[in-house]
N, C-alpha and C. Protein backbone atom coordinates (compact mmCIF):
# COMPACT_ATOMS: atom_id res chain seq x y z
N UNK A 1 -25.34 50.66 -24.98
CA UNK A 1 -24.43 50.38 -23.90
C UNK A 1 -23.00 50.56 -24.37
N UNK A 2 -22.23 51.28 -23.59
CA UNK A 2 -20.82 51.45 -23.93
C UNK A 2 -20.01 50.15 -23.79
N UNK A 3 -20.42 49.24 -22.89
CA UNK A 3 -19.65 48.02 -22.71
C UNK A 3 -20.55 46.88 -22.30
N UNK A 4 -20.05 45.66 -22.51
CA UNK A 4 -20.80 44.47 -22.12
C UNK A 4 -20.95 44.39 -20.61
N UNK A 5 -19.91 44.80 -19.89
CA UNK A 5 -19.98 44.71 -18.43
C UNK A 5 -21.01 45.69 -17.86
N UNK A 6 -21.18 46.85 -18.48
CA UNK A 6 -22.20 47.78 -18.02
C UNK A 6 -23.60 47.21 -18.27
N UNK A 7 -23.79 46.57 -19.40
CA UNK A 7 -25.07 45.94 -19.69
C UNK A 7 -25.35 44.80 -18.72
N UNK A 8 -24.33 44.02 -18.41
CA UNK A 8 -24.47 42.92 -17.45
C UNK A 8 -24.87 43.45 -16.08
N UNK A 9 -24.22 44.52 -15.63
CA UNK A 9 -24.56 45.13 -14.33
C UNK A 9 -25.99 45.65 -14.32
N UNK A 10 -26.42 46.25 -15.42
CA UNK A 10 -27.78 46.78 -15.52
C UNK A 10 -28.80 45.66 -15.33
N UNK A 11 -28.57 44.51 -15.95
CA UNK A 11 -29.48 43.37 -15.81
C UNK A 11 -29.45 42.84 -14.39
N UNK A 12 -28.27 42.68 -13.82
CA UNK A 12 -28.14 42.15 -12.46
C UNK A 12 -28.80 43.05 -11.43
N UNK A 13 -28.81 44.36 -11.66
CA UNK A 13 -29.39 45.30 -10.71
C UNK A 13 -30.88 45.55 -10.97
N UNK A 14 -31.45 44.90 -11.99
CA UNK A 14 -32.88 45.01 -12.23
C UNK A 14 -33.30 46.20 -13.07
N UNK A 15 -32.39 46.80 -13.83
CA UNK A 15 -32.72 47.98 -14.60
C UNK A 15 -33.02 47.74 -16.06
N UNK A 16 -33.05 46.48 -16.50
CA UNK A 16 -33.31 46.18 -17.90
C UNK A 16 -34.71 45.59 -18.05
N UNK A 17 -35.51 46.18 -18.95
CA UNK A 17 -36.86 45.71 -19.18
C UNK A 17 -37.10 45.53 -20.67
N UNK A 18 -37.86 44.49 -21.01
CA UNK A 18 -38.32 44.26 -22.37
C UNK A 18 -39.83 44.30 -22.29
N UNK A 19 -40.43 45.29 -22.94
CA UNK A 19 -41.86 45.52 -22.75
C UNK A 19 -42.07 45.97 -21.32
N UNK A 20 -42.86 45.21 -20.57
CA UNK A 20 -43.07 45.50 -19.15
C UNK A 20 -42.44 44.46 -18.25
N UNK A 21 -41.70 43.51 -18.85
CA UNK A 21 -41.10 42.43 -18.07
C UNK A 21 -39.64 42.74 -17.75
N UNK A 22 -39.29 42.57 -16.49
CA UNK A 22 -37.91 42.77 -16.05
C UNK A 22 -37.07 41.58 -16.49
N UNK A 23 -35.91 41.85 -17.04
CA UNK A 23 -34.98 40.80 -17.44
C UNK A 23 -34.11 40.47 -16.24
N UNK A 24 -34.11 39.21 -15.82
CA UNK A 24 -33.34 38.81 -14.66
C UNK A 24 -32.16 37.93 -15.02
N UNK A 25 -32.15 37.38 -16.24
CA UNK A 25 -31.06 36.52 -16.68
C UNK A 25 -30.24 37.27 -17.73
N UNK A 26 -28.96 37.43 -17.48
CA UNK A 26 -28.13 38.19 -18.42
C UNK A 26 -27.89 37.47 -19.74
N UNK A 27 -28.25 36.20 -19.83
CA UNK A 27 -28.11 35.45 -21.08
C UNK A 27 -29.47 35.20 -21.73
N UNK A 28 -30.48 35.96 -21.35
CA UNK A 28 -31.82 35.80 -21.91
C UNK A 28 -31.81 36.16 -23.40
N UNK A 29 -32.65 35.47 -24.16
CA UNK A 29 -32.75 35.70 -25.59
C UNK A 29 -34.08 36.40 -25.87
N UNK A 30 -34.02 37.48 -26.63
CA UNK A 30 -35.22 38.20 -27.03
C UNK A 30 -35.64 37.63 -28.38
N UNK A 31 -36.84 37.06 -28.44
CA UNK A 31 -37.30 36.45 -29.68
C UNK A 31 -38.63 37.05 -30.11
N UNK A 32 -39.25 36.46 -31.12
CA UNK A 32 -40.48 36.99 -31.70
C UNK A 32 -41.65 37.00 -30.71
N UNK A 33 -41.58 36.21 -29.66
CA UNK A 33 -42.67 36.20 -28.68
C UNK A 33 -42.72 37.50 -27.87
N UNK A 34 -41.66 38.27 -27.90
CA UNK A 34 -41.60 39.55 -27.18
C UNK A 34 -42.22 40.70 -27.96
N UNK A 35 -42.52 40.48 -29.24
CA UNK A 35 -43.07 41.54 -30.08
C UNK A 35 -44.51 41.86 -29.69
N UNK A 36 -44.90 43.13 -29.81
CA UNK A 36 -46.29 43.49 -29.56
C UNK A 36 -47.09 43.33 -30.85
N UNK A 37 -48.30 43.78 -30.88
CA UNK A 37 -49.17 43.61 -32.04
C UNK A 37 -48.70 44.33 -33.28
N UNK A 38 -47.85 45.34 -33.13
CA UNK A 38 -47.35 46.12 -34.26
C UNK A 38 -46.01 45.61 -34.79
N UNK A 39 -45.51 44.51 -34.22
CA UNK A 39 -44.22 43.98 -34.64
C UNK A 39 -43.05 44.76 -34.07
N UNK A 40 -43.25 45.35 -32.91
CA UNK A 40 -42.19 46.14 -32.28
C UNK A 40 -41.97 45.65 -30.85
N UNK A 41 -40.83 45.97 -30.32
CA UNK A 41 -40.52 45.65 -28.93
C UNK A 41 -39.89 46.90 -28.31
N UNK A 42 -40.28 47.19 -27.08
CA UNK A 42 -39.75 48.34 -26.35
C UNK A 42 -38.70 47.83 -25.37
N UNK A 43 -37.48 48.34 -25.49
CA UNK A 43 -36.40 48.01 -24.56
C UNK A 43 -36.18 49.22 -23.67
N UNK A 44 -35.97 48.94 -22.40
CA UNK A 44 -35.74 50.04 -21.46
C UNK A 44 -34.49 49.74 -20.65
N UNK A 45 -33.59 50.70 -20.58
CA UNK A 45 -32.36 50.58 -19.80
C UNK A 45 -32.37 51.69 -18.76
N UNK A 46 -32.69 51.35 -17.54
CA UNK A 46 -32.78 52.35 -16.48
C UNK A 46 -34.07 53.15 -16.59
N UNK A 47 -34.05 54.35 -16.07
CA UNK A 47 -35.26 55.18 -16.07
C UNK A 47 -35.40 56.05 -17.30
N UNK A 48 -34.29 56.40 -17.93
CA UNK A 48 -34.34 57.42 -18.97
C UNK A 48 -34.04 56.94 -20.38
N UNK A 49 -33.53 55.74 -20.55
CA UNK A 49 -33.16 55.27 -21.88
C UNK A 49 -34.19 54.27 -22.39
N UNK A 50 -34.88 54.64 -23.46
CA UNK A 50 -35.89 53.81 -24.08
C UNK A 50 -35.50 53.58 -25.53
N UNK A 51 -35.72 52.35 -26.00
CA UNK A 51 -35.44 52.01 -27.39
C UNK A 51 -36.61 51.22 -27.93
N UNK A 52 -37.14 51.62 -29.07
CA UNK A 52 -38.23 50.88 -29.72
C UNK A 52 -37.65 50.25 -30.97
N UNK A 53 -37.72 48.94 -31.04
CA UNK A 53 -37.18 48.21 -32.18
C UNK A 53 -38.35 47.63 -32.96
N UNK A 54 -38.39 47.94 -34.25
CA UNK A 54 -39.46 47.47 -35.12
C UNK A 54 -38.89 46.35 -35.99
N UNK A 55 -39.53 45.20 -35.95
CA UNK A 55 -39.06 44.04 -36.71
C UNK A 55 -39.92 43.83 -37.94
N UNK A 56 -39.27 43.53 -39.02
CA UNK A 56 -39.97 43.15 -40.25
C UNK A 56 -39.81 41.66 -40.42
N UNK A 57 -40.90 40.93 -40.27
CA UNK A 57 -40.85 39.48 -40.40
C UNK A 57 -41.07 39.09 -41.85
N UNK A 58 -40.24 38.21 -42.33
CA UNK A 58 -40.33 37.79 -43.73
C UNK A 58 -41.31 36.65 -43.91
């Protein structure tokens, strides 16, 4: 995201997803419960921007 306000608008308009769940609260916290079986989480911003984040748990 180029700016915080653009990210806030994306959440308010329903375009932000973590896994398959739509994020409705702009102050939501992404924690370890969002990880899939491989220790990764898929973030989606709109229709075309996908980000896969792989976490290494200590």
